[in-house]
C-alpha atoms as a PDB file:
ATOM      1  CA  MET A   1    -111.701 -67.123 -22.149  1.00  0.00           C
ATOM      2  CA  PHE A   2    -112.011 -63.846 -24.036  1.00  0.00           C
ATOM      3  CA  LYS A   3    -113.900 -63.987 -27.318  1.00  0.00           C
ATOM      4  CA  ILE A   4    -112.128 -60.910 -28.697  1.00  0.00           C
ATOM      5  CA  SER A   5    -108.442 -61.230 -29.525  1.00  0.00           C
ATOM      6  CA  LEU A   6    -105.913 -58.558 -30.415  1.00  0.00           C
ATOM      7  CA  ASP A   7    -105.223 -60.429 -33.672  1.00  0.00           C
ATOM      8  CA  GLY A   8    -108.908 -60.190 -34.570  1.00  0.00           C
ATOM      9  CA  LEU A   9    -108.922 -56.468 -33.848  1.00  0.00           C
ATOM     10  CA  LEU A  10    -105.777 -55.984 -35.935  1.00  0.00           C
ATOM     11  CA  ILE A  11    -107.512 -57.682 -38.872  1.00  0.00           C
ATOM     12  CA  LEU A  12    -110.611 -55.480 -38.560  1.00  0.00           C
ATOM     13  CA  ASP A  13    -108.417 -52.376 -38.352  1.00  0.00           C
ATOM     14  CA  ALA A  14    -106.418 -53.357 -41.437  1.00  0.00           C
ATOM     15  CA  ILE A  15    -109.542 -54.148 -43.496  1.00  0.00           C
ATOM     16  CA  ASP A  16    -111.052 -50.770 -42.572  1.00  0.00           C
ATOM     17  CA  ARG A  17    -107.899 -48.785 -43.318  1.00  0.00           C
ATOM     18  CA  LEU A  18    -106.982 -50.582 -46.556  1.00  0.00           C
ATOM     19  CA  GLY A  19    -110.458 -51.219 -47.938  1.00  0.00           C
ATOM     20  CA  SER A  20    -110.383 -54.959 -48.630  1.00  0.00           C
ATOM     21  CA  PHE A  21    -109.646 -58.372 -47.201  1.00  0.00           C
ATOM     22  CA  ALA A  22    -106.878 -58.899 -49.773  1.00  0.00           C
ATOM     23  CA  SER A  23    -105.064 -55.659 -48.885  1.00  0.00           C
ATOM     24  CA  ALA A  24    -105.351 -56.441 -45.192  1.00  0.00           C
ATOM     25  CA  GLY A  25    -103.861 -59.872 -45.882  1.00  0.00           C
ATOM     26  CA  ASN A  26    -100.898 -58.325 -47.705  1.00  0.00           C
ATOM     27  CA  GLU A  27    -100.138 -55.958 -44.818  1.00  0.00           C
ATOM     28  CA  LEU A  28    -100.496 -58.659 -42.160  1.00  0.00           C
ATOM     29  CA  HIS A  29     -98.732 -61.306 -44.258  1.00  0.00           C
ATOM     30  CA  LYS A  30    -101.782 -63.583 -44.294  1.00  0.00           C
ATOM     31  CA  VAL A  31    -103.565 -65.166 -47.271  1.00  0.00           C
ATOM     32  CA  PRO A  32    -107.082 -63.782 -47.961  1.00  0.00           C
ATOM     33  CA  SER A  33    -108.697 -67.065 -46.912  1.00  0.00           C
ATOM     34  CA  THR A  34    -107.111 -66.716 -43.458  1.00  0.00           C
ATOM     35  CA  ILE A  35    -108.460 -63.171 -43.170  1.00  0.00           C
ATOM     36  CA  SER A  36    -111.950 -64.336 -44.147  1.00  0.00           C
ATOM     37  CA  TYR A  37    -111.807 -67.252 -41.718  1.00  0.00           C
ATOM     38  CA  SER A  38    -110.661 -65.008 -38.861  1.00  0.00           C
ATOM     39  CA  VAL A  39    -113.534 -62.581 -39.443  1.00  0.00           C
ATOM     40  CA  ALA A  40    -116.065 -65.394 -39.641  1.00  0.00           C
ATOM     41  CA  LYS A  41    -114.690 -66.985 -36.485  1.00  0.00           C
ATOM     42  CA  LEU A  42    -114.919 -63.669 -34.631  1.00  0.00           C
ATOM     43  CA  GLU A  43    -118.534 -63.247 -35.740  1.00  0.00           C
ATOM     44  CA  GLN A  44    -119.324 -66.791 -34.614  1.00  0.00           C
ATOM     45  CA  ASP A  45    -117.680 -66.347 -31.223  1.00  0.00           C
ATOM     46  CA  LEU A  46    -119.446 -63.051 -30.581  1.00  0.00           C
ATOM     47  CA  GLY A  47    -122.767 -64.176 -32.052  1.00  0.00           C
ATOM     48  CA  VAL A  48    -123.104 -60.964 -34.092  1.00  0.00           C
ATOM     49  CA  GLN A  49    -122.664 -60.022 -37.744  1.00  0.00           C
ATOM     50  CA  LEU A  50    -119.744 -57.642 -38.237  1.00  0.00           C
ATOM     51  CA  TYR A  51    -119.919 -57.201 -42.017  1.00  0.00           C
ATOM     52  CA  GLU A  52    -122.661 -56.800 -44.597  1.00  0.00           C
ATOM     53  CA  ARG A  53    -121.577 -58.867 -47.585  1.00  0.00           C
ATOM     54  CA  SER A  54    -122.805 -57.894 -51.049  1.00  0.00           C
ATOM     55  CA  GLY A  55    -120.743 -59.727 -53.657  1.00  0.00           C
ATOM     56  CA  PRO A  56    -117.092 -58.684 -53.443  1.00  0.00           C
ATOM     57  CA  LYS A  57    -117.986 -55.602 -51.404  1.00  0.00           C
ATOM     58  CA  VAL A  58    -118.173 -55.760 -47.599  1.00  0.00           C
ATOM     59  CA  GLU A  59    -119.210 -53.046 -45.158  1.00  0.00           C
ATOM     60  CA  LEU A  60    -119.123 -52.927 -41.391  1.00  0.00           C
ATOM     61  CA  THR A  61    -122.434 -53.279 -39.596  1.00  0.00           C
ATOM     62  CA  ILE A  62    -123.271 -50.973 -36.690  1.00  0.00           C
ATOM     63  CA  ALA A  63    -121.995 -53.659 -34.330  1.00  0.00           C
ATOM     64  CA  GLY A  64    -118.826 -53.979 -36.399  1.00  0.00           C
ATOM     65  CA  MET A  65    -118.211 -50.227 -36.319  1.00  0.00           C
ATOM     66  CA  GLU A  66    -118.638 -50.191 -32.535  1.00  0.00           C
ATOM     67  CA  LEU A  67    -116.231 -53.111 -32.109  1.00  0.00           C
ATOM     68  CA  LEU A  68    -113.634 -51.457 -34.355  1.00  0.00           C
ATOM     69  CA  SER A  69    -113.978 -48.041 -32.709  1.00  0.00           C
ATOM     70  CA  GLU A  70    -113.532 -49.340 -29.173  1.00  0.00           C
ATOM     71  CA  GLY A  71    -111.078 -52.025 -30.260  1.00  0.00           C
ATOM     72  CA  ARG A  72    -108.656 -49.415 -31.543  1.00  0.00           C
ATOM     73  CA  TYR A  73    -108.310 -48.120 -27.968  1.00  0.00           C
ATOM     74  CA  LEU A  74    -107.357 -51.646 -26.900  1.00  0.00           C
ATOM     75  CA  LEU A  75    -104.804 -51.896 -29.710  1.00  0.00           C
ATOM     76  CA  LYS A  76    -103.244 -48.588 -28.723  1.00  0.00           C
ATOM     77  CA  ALA A  77    -103.194 -49.633 -25.061  1.00  0.00           C
ATOM     78  CA  ALA A  78    -101.467 -52.888 -26.026  1.00  0.00           C
ATOM     79  CA  VAL A  79     -98.802 -51.016 -28.008  1.00  0.00           C
ATOM     80  CA  ASP A  80     -98.303 -48.582 -25.128  1.00  0.00           C
ATOM     81  CA  LEU A  81     -97.972 -51.460 -22.689  1.00  0.00           C
ATOM     82  CA  GLU A  82     -95.356 -53.167 -24.856  1.00  0.00           C
ATOM     83  CA  ASN A  83     -93.372 -49.943 -25.075  1.00  0.00           C
ATOM     84  CA  ARG A  84     -93.606 -49.336 -21.335  1.00  0.00           C
ATOM     85  CA  VAL A  85     -92.440 -52.860 -20.555  1.00  0.00           C
ATOM     86  CA  ARG A  86     -89.440 -52.377 -22.825  1.00  0.00           C
ATOM     87  CA  ARG A  87     -88.727 -49.037 -21.164  1.00  0.00           C
ATOM     88  CA  VAL A  88     -88.877 -50.530 -17.678  1.00  0.00           C
ATOM     89  CA  ALA A  89     -86.592 -53.364 -18.767  1.00  0.00           C
ATOM     90  CA  SER A  90     -84.113 -50.760 -20.021  1.00  0.00           C
ATOM     91  CA  GLY A  91     -84.294 -48.763 -16.775  1.00  0.00           C
ATOM     92  CA  TRP A  92     -86.890 -46.136 -17.729  1.00  0.00           C
ATOM     93  CA  GLU A  93     -89.826 -45.622 -15.386  1.00  0.00           C
ATOM     94  CA  THR A  94     -93.409 -46.087 -16.554  1.00  0.00           C
ATOM     95  CA  GLU A  95     -94.405 -42.845 -14.782  1.00  0.00           C
ATOM     96  CA  LEU A  96     -92.577 -40.052 -12.974  1.00  0.00           C
ATOM     97  CA  THR A  97     -94.284 -37.454 -10.772  1.00  0.00           C
ATOM     98  CA  ILE A  98     -92.661 -34.062 -10.293  1.00  0.00           C
ATOM     99  CA  CYS A  99     -93.898 -31.694  -7.598  1.00  0.00           C
ATOM    100  CA  MET A 100     -93.154 -27.976  -7.789  1.00  0.00           C
ATOM    101  CA  ASP A 101     -93.681 -25.459  -5.012  1.00  0.00           C
ATOM    102  CA  SER A 102     -96.550 -23.088  -5.774  1.00  0.00           C
ATOM    103  CA  ILE A 103     -94.167 -20.114  -5.650  1.00  0.00           C
ATOM    104  CA  PHE A 104     -92.823 -21.100  -9.059  1.00  0.00           C
ATOM    105  CA  PRO A 105     -94.899 -21.155 -12.268  1.00  0.00           C
ATOM    106  CA  LEU A 106     -95.148 -24.522 -14.004  1.00  0.00           C
ATOM    107  CA  ARG A 107     -94.244 -22.841 -17.301  1.00  0.00           C
ATOM    108  CA  SER A 108     -90.666 -22.874 -15.968  1.00  0.00           C
ATOM    109  CA  LEU A 109     -90.567 -26.560 -16.893  1.00  0.00           C
ATOM    110  CA  THR A 110     -91.853 -26.213 -20.473  1.00  0.00           C
ATOM    111  CA  GLY A 111     -88.447 -26.364 -22.156  1.00  0.00           C
ATOM    112  CA  ASP A 112     -87.229 -29.152 -19.888  1.00  0.00           C
ATOM    113  CA  ILE A 113     -90.322 -31.249 -20.623  1.00  0.00           C
ATOM    114  CA  GLN A 114     -89.768 -30.798 -24.356  1.00  0.00           C
ATOM    115  CA  GLU A 115     -86.152 -31.960 -24.013  1.00  0.00           C
ATOM    116  CA  PHE A 116     -87.195 -34.902 -21.836  1.00  0.00           C
ATOM    117  CA  TYR A 117     -89.750 -36.157 -24.359  1.00  0.00           C
ATOM    118  CA  LYS A 118     -87.104 -36.242 -27.074  1.00  0.00           C
ATOM    119  CA  ILE A 119     -85.457 -39.172 -25.320  1.00  0.00           C
ATOM    120  CA  ALA A 120     -88.178 -40.580 -23.042  1.00  0.00           C
ATOM    121  CA  ASP A 121     -91.526 -40.177 -24.742  1.00  0.00           C
ATOM    122  CA  LYS A 122     -92.807 -43.458 -23.261  1.00  0.00           C
ATOM    123  CA  THR A 123     -92.324 -42.366 -19.644  1.00  0.00           C
ATOM    124  CA  ARG A 124     -95.512 -40.640 -18.516  1.00  0.00           C
ATOM    125  CA  LEU A 125     -94.989 -37.394 -16.604  1.00  0.00           C
ATOM    126  CA  ARG A 126     -97.277 -36.066 -13.892  1.00  0.00           C
ATOM    127  CA  ILE A 127     -96.717 -32.483 -12.712  1.00  0.00           C
ATOM    128  CA  ILE A 128     -98.313 -31.395  -9.423  1.00  0.00           C
ATOM    129  CA  LYS A 129     -98.125 -28.319  -7.181  1.00  0.00           C
ATOM    130  CA  GLU A 130     -97.974 -28.049  -3.405  1.00  0.00           C
ATOM    131  CA  SER A 131     -97.204 -25.251  -0.948  1.00  0.00           C
ATOM    132  CA  LEU A 132     -94.611 -25.010   1.825  1.00  0.00           C
ATOM    133  CA  SER A 133     -94.327 -28.315   3.736  1.00  0.00           C
ATOM    134  CA  GLY A 134     -96.877 -29.844   1.405  1.00  0.00           C
ATOM    135  CA  THR A 135     -94.091 -30.425  -1.106  1.00  0.00           C
ATOM    136  CA  TRP A 136     -92.064 -32.453   1.399  1.00  0.00           C
ATOM    137  CA  GLU A 137     -95.111 -34.429   2.458  1.00  0.00           C
ATOM    138  CA  ALA A 138     -95.882 -35.304  -1.170  1.00  0.00           C
ATOM    139  CA  LEU A 139     -92.410 -36.830  -1.479  1.00  0.00           C
ATOM    140  CA  LEU A 140     -92.525 -38.750   1.797  1.00  0.00           C
ATOM    141  CA  ASP A 141     -96.047 -40.056   1.085  1.00  0.00           C
ATOM    142  CA  GLY A 142     -94.993 -41.310  -2.340  1.00  0.00           C
ATOM    143  CA  ARG A 143     -97.242 -38.898  -4.249  1.00  0.00           C
ATOM    144  CA  ALA A 144     -94.158 -37.316  -5.843  1.00  0.00           C
ATOM    145  CA  ASP A 145     -90.810 -38.674  -6.963  1.00  0.00           C
ATOM    146  CA  ILE A 146     -88.926 -35.384  -7.302  1.00  0.00           C
ATOM    147  CA  LEU A 147     -89.427 -31.963  -5.689  1.00  0.00           C
ATOM    148  CA  ILE A 148     -88.409 -28.799  -7.514  1.00  0.00           C
ATOM    149  CA  GLY A 149     -88.239 -25.592  -5.499  1.00  0.00           C
ATOM    150  CA  ALA A 150     -88.786 -27.134  -2.057  1.00  0.00           C
ATOM    151  CA  ALA A 151     -88.442 -24.430   0.597  1.00  0.00           C
ATOM    152  CA  GLY A 152     -86.591 -24.714   3.884  1.00  0.00           C
ATOM    153  CA  GLU A 153     -85.236 -27.774   5.602  1.00  0.00           C
ATOM    154  CA  GLY A 154     -86.864 -31.138   5.099  1.00  0.00           C
ATOM    155  CA  PRO A 155     -88.440 -33.175   7.896  1.00  0.00           C
ATOM    156  CA  SER A 156     -86.308 -35.474  10.011  1.00  0.00           C
ATOM    157  CA  GLY A 157     -86.137 -39.167   9.284  1.00  0.00           C
ATOM    158  CA  GLY A 158     -84.238 -39.085   6.011  1.00  0.00           C
ATOM    159  CA  GLY A 159     -85.149 -41.222   3.031  1.00  0.00           C
ATOM    160  CA  TYR A 160     -84.322 -38.454   0.594  1.00  0.00           C
ATOM    161  CA  ASN A 161     -81.426 -36.575  -0.977  1.00  0.00           C
ATOM    162  CA  SER A 162     -81.399 -32.852  -1.630  1.00  0.00           C
ATOM    163  CA  ALA A 163     -79.335 -30.202  -3.356  1.00  0.00           C
ATOM    164  CA  VAL A 164     -79.696 -26.456  -2.809  1.00  0.00           C
ATOM    165  CA  ILE A 165     -80.261 -24.749  -6.157  1.00  0.00           C
ATOM    166  CA  GLY A 166     -80.571 -21.177  -4.880  1.00  0.00           C
ATOM    167  CA  PHE A 167     -81.617 -18.788  -2.125  1.00  0.00           C
ATOM    168  CA  MET A 168     -84.889 -16.852  -2.214  1.00  0.00           C
ATOM    169  CA  GLU A 169     -84.798 -13.265  -0.961  1.00  0.00           C
ATOM    170  CA  PHE A 170     -87.884 -11.665   0.602  1.00  0.00           C
ATOM    171  CA  VAL A 171     -89.212  -8.122   0.951  1.00  0.00           C
ATOM    172  CA  PHE A 172     -91.783  -6.785   3.394  1.00  0.00           C
ATOM    173  CA  ALA A 173     -94.373  -4.887   1.362  1.00  0.00           C
ATOM    174  CA  VAL A 174     -97.708  -3.135   1.675  1.00  0.00           C
ATOM    175  CA  SER A 175     -99.857  -1.109  -0.682  1.00  0.00           C
ATOM    176  CA  PRO A 176     -99.276   2.668  -0.699  1.00  0.00           C
ATOM    177  CA  GLY A 177    -102.691   3.160   0.919  1.00  0.00           C
ATOM    178  CA  HIS A 178    -102.092   0.793   3.819  1.00  0.00           C
ATOM    179  CA  PRO A 179    -101.617   2.474   7.238  1.00  0.00           C
ATOM    180  CA  LEU A 180     -98.186   0.824   7.617  1.00  0.00           C
ATOM    181  CA  ALA A 181     -96.971   2.627   4.480  1.00  0.00           C
ATOM    182  CA  LYS A 182     -97.227   5.962   6.315  1.00  0.00           C
ATOM    183  CA  ILE A 183     -95.049   4.950   9.279  1.00  0.00           C
ATOM    184  CA  ASP A 184     -91.580   6.379   8.715  1.00  0.00           C
ATOM    185  CA  LYS A 185     -89.437   4.084  10.881  1.00  0.00           C
ATOM    186  CA  LEU A 186     -88.375   0.477  11.315  1.00  0.00           C
ATOM    187  CA  LEU A 187     -91.563  -1.487  11.852  1.00  0.00           C
ATOM    188  CA  GLY A 188     -91.708  -3.565  15.006  1.00  0.00           C
ATOM    189  CA  LYS A 189     -94.184  -6.015  16.480  1.00  0.00           C
ATOM    190  CA  GLU A 190     -96.157  -3.226  18.090  1.00  0.00           C
ATOM    191  CA  ASP A 191     -96.679  -1.609  14.653  1.00  0.00           C
ATOM    192  CA  LEU A 192     -97.696  -4.826  12.869  1.00  0.00           C
ATOM    193  CA  HIS A 193     -99.973  -6.382  15.451  1.00  0.00           C
ATOM    194  CA  PRO A 194    -103.067  -4.166  14.829  1.00  0.00           C
ATOM    195  CA  TYR A 195    -103.226  -5.134  11.155  1.00  0.00           C
ATOM    196  CA  LYS A 196    -103.970  -8.245   9.168  1.00  0.00           C
ATOM    197  CA  ALA A 197    -101.181 -10.481   7.842  1.00  0.00           C
ATOM    198  CA  ILE A 198    -101.727 -12.302   4.554  1.00  0.00           C
ATOM    199  CA  THR A 199    -100.332 -15.818   4.516  1.00  0.00           C
ATOM    200  CA  VAL A 200    -100.140 -18.715   2.065  1.00  0.00           C
ATOM    201  CA  SER A 201    -101.855 -21.827   3.395  1.00  0.00           C
ATOM    202  CA  ASP A 202     -99.643 -24.861   3.799  1.00  0.00           C
ATOM    203  CA  SER A 203    -100.980 -27.723   1.659  1.00  0.00           C
ATOM    204  CA  VAL A 204     -99.924 -30.454   4.110  1.00  0.00           C
ATOM    205  CA  ARG A 205    -102.472 -33.152   4.899  1.00  0.00           C
ATOM    206  CA  LYS A 206    -100.776 -34.968   7.789  1.00  0.00           C
ATOM    207  CA  MET A 207     -97.676 -33.036   8.830  1.00  0.00           C
ATOM    208  CA  ALA A 208     -97.810 -29.936  11.005  1.00  0.00           C
ATOM    209  CA  PRO A 209     -98.442 -26.861   8.800  1.00  0.00           C
ATOM    210  CA  ARG A 210     -95.626 -24.376   8.528  1.00  0.00           C
ATOM    211  CA  THR A 211     -96.066 -20.772   9.665  1.00  0.00           C
ATOM    212  CA  ILE A 212     -93.394 -18.147   9.095  1.00  0.00           C
ATOM    213  CA  GLY A 213     -92.937 -14.803  10.783  1.00  0.00           C
ATOM    214  CA  LEU A 214     -96.391 -14.565  12.389  1.00  0.00           C
ATOM    215  CA  LEU A 215     -96.832 -12.827  15.706  1.00  0.00           C
ATOM    216  CA  PHE A 216     -98.664 -14.556  18.534  1.00  0.00           C
ATOM    217  CA  GLY A 217    -102.352 -13.690  18.220  1.00  0.00           C
ATOM    218  CA  GLN A 218    -101.838 -12.009  14.834  1.00  0.00           C
ATOM    219  CA  ASP A 219    -104.977 -11.697  12.703  1.00  0.00           C
ATOM    220  CA  THR A 220    -104.404 -13.448   9.370  1.00  0.00           C
ATOM    221  CA  LEU A 221    -105.982 -13.882   5.974  1.00  0.00           C
ATOM    222  CA  ALA A 222    -104.932 -17.260   4.544  1.00  0.00           C
ATOM    223  CA  VAL A 223    -104.852 -17.687   0.760  1.00  0.00           C
ATOM    224  CA  PRO A 224    -104.085 -20.732  -1.426  1.00  0.00           C
ATOM    225  CA  ASP A 225    -101.039 -19.450  -3.303  1.00  0.00           C
ATOM    226  CA  MET A 226     -98.459 -16.686  -3.626  1.00  0.00           C
ATOM    227  CA  HIS A 227    -100.180 -15.106  -6.639  1.00  0.00           C
ATOM    228  CA  THR A 228    -103.287 -14.453  -4.538  1.00  0.00           C
ATOM    229  CA  LYS A 229    -101.173 -13.141  -1.667  1.00  0.00           C
ATOM    230  CA  LEU A 230     -99.525 -10.644  -4.020  1.00  0.00           C
ATOM    231  CA  ASP A 231    -102.888  -9.496  -5.408  1.00  0.00           C
ATOM    232  CA  TYR A 232    -104.396  -9.046  -1.947  1.00  0.00           C
ATOM    233  CA  GLN A 233    -101.418  -7.088  -0.643  1.00  0.00           C
ATOM    234  CA  ILE A 234    -101.605  -4.812  -3.688  1.00  0.00           C
ATOM    235  CA  ALA A 235    -105.300  -4.341  -2.868  1.00  0.00           C
ATOM    236  CA  GLY A 236    -104.364  -3.226   0.650  1.00  0.00           C
ATOM    237  CA  LEU A 237    -106.014  -6.138   2.444  1.00  0.00           C
ATOM    238  CA  GLY A 238    -102.969  -6.846   4.584  1.00  0.00           C
ATOM    239  CA  PHE A 239     -99.204  -7.025   4.901  1.00  0.00           C
ATOM    240  CA  GLY A 240     -96.527  -9.674   4.639  1.00  0.00           C
ATOM    241  CA  PHE A 241     -93.235 -10.842   3.215  1.00  0.00           C
ATOM    242  CA  LEU A 242     -93.124 -11.620  -0.495  1.00  0.00           C
ATOM    243  CA  PRO A 243     -90.449 -13.393  -2.549  1.00  0.00           C
ATOM    244  CA  LYS A 244     -88.455 -10.596  -4.163  1.00  0.00           C
ATOM    245  CA  PRO A 245     -88.975 -11.889  -7.741  1.00  0.00           C
ATOM    246  CA  PHE A 246     -92.731 -11.870  -7.063  1.00  0.00           C
ATOM    247  CA  ALA A 247     -92.812  -8.328  -5.717  1.00  0.00           C
ATOM    248  CA  ILE A 248     -90.246  -6.526  -7.893  1.00  0.00           C
ATOM    249  CA  GLN A 249     -92.600  -5.526 -10.703  1.00  0.00           C
ATOM    250  CA  ALA A 250     -95.290  -4.237  -8.324  1.00  0.00           C
ATOM    251  CA  LEU A 251     -92.635  -2.313  -6.383  1.00  0.00           C
ATOM    252  CA  ASN A 252     -91.271  -0.729  -9.560  1.00  0.00           C
ATOM    253  CA  GLN A 253     -94.781   0.252 -10.639  1.00  0.00           C
ATOM    254  CA  GLY A 254     -95.607   1.789  -7.278  1.00  0.00           C
ATOM    255  CA  LEU A 255     -98.319  -0.766  -6.548  1.00  0.00           C
ATOM    256  CA  LEU A 256     -96.424  -1.867  -3.447  1.00  0.00           C
ATOM    257  CA  VAL A 257     -94.125  -0.080  -1.023  1.00  0.00           C
ATOM    258  CA  GLU A 258     -91.217  -1.907   0.599  1.00  0.00           C
ATOM    259  CA  LYS A 259     -90.906  -1.278   4.337  1.00  0.00           C
ATOM    260  CA  GLN A 260     -88.019  -2.033   6.657  1.00  0.00           C
ATOM    261  CA  VAL A 261     -88.793  -4.184   9.683  1.00  0.00           C
ATOM    262  CA  LYS A 262     -86.897  -4.930  12.871  1.00  0.00           C
ATOM    263  CA  GLU A 263     -87.080  -8.665  12.184  1.00  0.00           C
ATOM    264  CA  PRO A 264     -86.511  -9.135   8.430  1.00  0.00           C
ATOM    265  CA  ARG A 265     -86.958 -12.538   6.864  1.00  0.00           C
ATOM    266  CA  GLN A 266     -83.633 -14.073   5.928  1.00  0.00           C
ATOM    267  CA  PRO A 267     -82.992 -15.594   2.476  1.00  0.00           C
ATOM    268  CA  GLU A 268     -84.317 -19.150   2.359  1.00  0.00           C
ATOM    269  CA  ALA A 269     -82.664 -22.158   0.751  1.00  0.00           C
ATOM    270  CA  ILE A 270     -84.574 -23.564  -2.227  1.00  0.00           C
ATOM    271  CA  SER A 271     -83.819 -27.184  -3.009  1.00  0.00           C
ATOM    272  CA  LEU A 272     -84.135 -29.995  -5.487  1.00  0.00           C
ATOM    273  CA  VAL A 273     -85.159 -33.141  -3.589  1.00  0.00           C
ATOM    274  CA  TRP A 274     -85.552 -36.786  -4.542  1.00  0.00           C
ATOM    275  CA  ARG A 275     -86.076 -40.060  -2.714  1.00  0.00           C
ATOM    276  CA  THR A 276     -82.938 -42.121  -2.115  1.00  0.00           C
ATOM    277  CA  SER A 277     -84.662 -45.066  -3.805  1.00  0.00           C
ATOM    278  CA  GLU A 278     -84.983 -43.212  -7.117  1.00  0.00           C
ATOM    279  CA  SER A 279     -82.659 -44.988  -9.559  1.00  0.00           C
ATOM    280  CA  GLY A 280     -84.578 -44.939 -12.854  1.00  0.00           C
ATOM    281  CA  GLN A 281     -83.262 -43.208 -15.951  1.00  0.00           C
ATOM    282  CA  ALA A 282     -86.090 -40.643 -16.020  1.00  0.00           C
ATOM    283  CA  ALA A 283     -85.420 -39.540 -12.429  1.00  0.00           C
ATOM    284  CA  LYS A 284     -81.688 -39.381 -13.111  1.00  0.00           C
ATOM    285  CA  TRP A 285     -82.329 -37.190 -16.173  1.00  0.00           C
ATOM    286  CA  TRP A 286     -84.466 -34.712 -14.214  1.00  0.00           C
ATOM    287  CA  ILE A 287     -82.073 -34.572 -11.268  1.00  0.00           C
ATOM    288  CA  LYS A 288     -79.175 -33.786 -13.601  1.00  0.00           C
ATOM    289  CA  GLN A 289     -81.269 -31.269 -15.556  1.00  0.00           C
ATOM    290  CA  MET A 290     -82.379 -29.385 -12.445  1.00  0.00           C
ATOM    291  CA  LYS A 291     -78.806 -29.132 -11.162  1.00  0.00           C
ATOM    292  CA  HIS A 292     -77.669 -27.115 -14.197  1.00  0.00           C
ATOM    293  CA  PRO A 293     -76.183 -23.724 -13.286  1.00  0.00           C
ATOM    294  CA  GLY A 294     -78.702 -20.916 -13.651  1.00  0.00           C
ATOM    295  CA  ILE A 295     -81.825 -23.085 -13.248  1.00  0.00           C
ATOM    296  CA  PHE A 296     -82.925 -21.229 -10.093  1.00  0.00           C
ATOM    297  CA  GLU A 297     -82.368 -17.830 -11.705  1.00  0.00           C
ATOM    298  CA  LYS A 298     -84.486 -18.926 -14.667  1.00  0.00           C
ATOM    299  CA  MET A 299     -87.279 -20.047 -12.347  1.00  0.00           C
ATOM    300  CA  CYS A 300     -87.185 -16.647 -10.627  1.00  0.00           C
ATOM    301  CA  VAL A 301     -87.335 -14.785 -13.943  1.00  0.00           C
ATOM    302  CA  ASP A 302     -90.384 -16.861 -14.948  1.00  0.00           C
ATOM    303  CA  ILE A 303     -92.143 -15.737 -11.769  1.00  0.00           C
ATOM    304  CA  GLN A 304     -92.224 -12.131 -12.991  1.00  0.00           C
END
C-alpha cells in the first residue's frame, strides 16, 4: 500500500500555487475541512510534518518542499500516461521510431516533425541514424518502425513494405592534388588499385556489412559517415564515389575533380520502408507524408 496518493499530491500542488487551503479547496471542489484533513492524513501516514502552522499562515517544511517538488513529476507522468492511453485507444502509437540513412541530414525532417506535432503531440518520436544495411537491420530488429532514405534492396524474408522515393546519382571524385587527378583517361582497376579508397562503414550489428565498388585487395580507409568521407577526399586522403548532391558544391568550388571510370556506379534506388505490421495512425501519417512528390529532391537539397 502506497502512503502517497495522487490526490494528496494534487492538494499540495494546489495549496502551493494558490496560496491557501481555501483557494485550493475552491479549485478542487472540496471544502476547506477536507483539504485540511487530507494534509493531516498525509503527514500521519508519512510520519513527517509537511507544513509549519503559525495561525492562519502555513508554510511548507523542507520535507514538504521535497515531496511537492518530486511529486509534481509524478503528477505530470500520470497526466502523460492518461493521454497516451487515450491515444492508443484511438489508434495513435505511444512512441514511433524513425531511422534515416546517414547520407541525409536530420534537418530534412524539421518541417515534417512540426506538422506531425500539430496533430499528434502525445506520440513520442525517436529519430535515429544508421548507415547502409544498418538501416534495414534496425527495422528488422524492431529498433525502428520506419526507414527514410534506405539504400538498395532490402534483405530477403519480407516482413516489410517499401516504396522508392528517388534515385541517387554518384560521381567518382578526387582532390586536385591526388595522383589520379592527373591521369587523362578512363580510370580502370589497374589505375585505382595502388591508391587508398575511402569508404563509409556499414553500421550493421548482425547482418553481413555491405561493400560497394571495392577491388579485391584494395587498401581502404573506413569512416563513420558520408560527411567525413567527403572531407577526407577533399583532403586528398583517398578516392571514391560520392552521392552527387554531396559532391556538387566541392566540385563547383574546385575542391574536388570528377573523373570518369570504366566501371561507374549506377544510380541507386532510395526507399521509404515500413514493417507490414505498422497500422497505427502515427506510422500512417509519416508514410503518407514521405510519399509526397518532391520529398526526395528536398532531402537532396538539404544535403548541400
